[in-house]
């Protein structure tokens, strides 16, 4: 059996861009840090990629809806999992200030639901919702800084602010090495930019080559914004007085900058070969210039939250080599799927999406925190993450043979177990109640819907099960040591959440079950019976996972009555009339009969080469062919 040519598979889907568009950005990163660039390979045209600026232009033109009808405008930001900020809180708002009392079957219970997003957007928040609004918007993920080109046609010209001034742009993301190469012509000269990121630190590196550098027509600019608490936005350039950027003593060829933003601080170490740094007239802005025709810049961002500050300049060549080694190892590990030989017209597009999704999730979702819905590109929900989405963004790492990438984020649950336990206790439940929308500190974000949802509750159990089954046996003891208590307490909440009435387990009435999400639509509602979820005609959703054993329900399992002969261990269920019968199993689609020849055609291309291979134990036909497995650290 011939294995998959992984290099050919991956590189035929390298991304190639030939025009500047506000929705065209590329990213390099490592799961905990990401740098997103425009068509120049850097963050040169910030206004062109600014969603708020696009809306302002549309409004000024008398057509406010134009921004939503055109291409999506995507920020070019520099973001991390450790860079967070809180706006000043002069009123000292705490979560207790955003709690409302609700009458439930367990008595009066308080939920963090005092927030109205629509009223906040319209500026009509009632006074008793101000605390919830602040708590919902804080903390927010920081845009660590913008590093872009400064281009002008003559030494007396203003800097270019529109990418339409570039000629013949071409940009390629080499997926196998994680390298972005961008070229274009400006003022009659060719410019080449190479962009890479470190696989282990918050470091991005650039090599800029052009005769324009020596002519004084090309410089590199470094700018820092104040954070934004807006939606789909990361930066505020209008308030330079709210933060400081100081130049600290540093070695020749390097510049250390200290950023202070309210209670948040971090450092930026700039390594710059054959280039000098000057402070520009605009606040928080610096320029790098040179008399050579090539500048290499390496920017490392660090803070106490990210570990020890980096003191030693890393050469561009080292970052580039580390990136190439890392991505080659990544693509040769885990699963791969190759549709070569398929006659289905959709095959190439499906294969492209599979490859690019692996790159994007490794860059944006493989860090030490659960990923936010927009990864490290921009801030949706101020950069916070929604725990029900952890499953969608992270489960595939384990099923595709890269469990170490999922394992990075699971210890975060241990760090917030205290607050999850307090939420459950305050609401009269046992165990741990995991929040829905949350930042790194684990504090719940007030919301009239999110604070009532439970759909995220069982996901940690499933993620741990995936990690257990996909990891080497020597990791099992570590998983047991770290997560046994959390697993027990997560299940304890689920068991205490449902309500038992006459041997039937029901989802609780609102507000515990959110209207429209987990709702008793016709009065009957969804039931959990004898360890089996029974969905009535009016049920809109189901609790993920049974929470009581058949013995605890008083119904037990089949042991011989009519209907049990073929499956004596099947759980029993009670219908609405009170009759007890074996619970029905989900229907199984019949297997198609297939001739050996047809099976050969399905698995092989015209030359007989196997296009995919079976992964043992997973029951999936997408394979590990030609790759190596690795265990998580």
Foldseek 3Di string as FASTA:
>chain_A
DAFDPLLVLQQVLWDKDWDWAQQDWDWAFFAFKIFIDTLQLFPAQQLRLALVSLQVVCVVVVHNCPSVVDDPRFGGFIFGQQAKDADDDVVPQDQVLQWDWDQFPVGIFIFNALADVVCVVVVNRDPSSPSLVRLLLPIFTARAWGKHKFADLALPGHTDNDVVQWARWMWIQRLLQRKIWIWTDHNRKIKIKIWHAANPFNKIKIKIFIQCQLRVRMKMKMAGFAADSDASAGGDNPCLVQKAWDWDDADPQWIKIWIGHPPDIKIKIKGKPQWDKDADPRGRMIIIGHNDRMIMIMIGIGDVSRPDDDRDDDGPVVRSVNSNVVSNQVSQAFFAFFPPQDPDPCVVVVSSCVSVLSSVLSRFAQAQAGGAPVGGRGDHSSRWHFLLCSCVSQLVCLVRQNLQSNVNHLCLCVQQQVVQQVSQVSRPFFFGQQFTTDGSNRDHNHHNARRQDRQSLCSSVVSLVSSCVRFDPVCPVVCCVRCVRNVVRSLRRVQRQWDDDLLKTAHTAPPNQPPPGFHPQPVPGWIQHQFRTDGDPRTDDDDPGGRDHNVVSVQAFADDDPPCPVPRGAGWGADPVRDIDGDDDDDDDDDDDDDPVRVQSVQAHPVSDGRFPDDPPSPDTIGSGSHDHDHHD
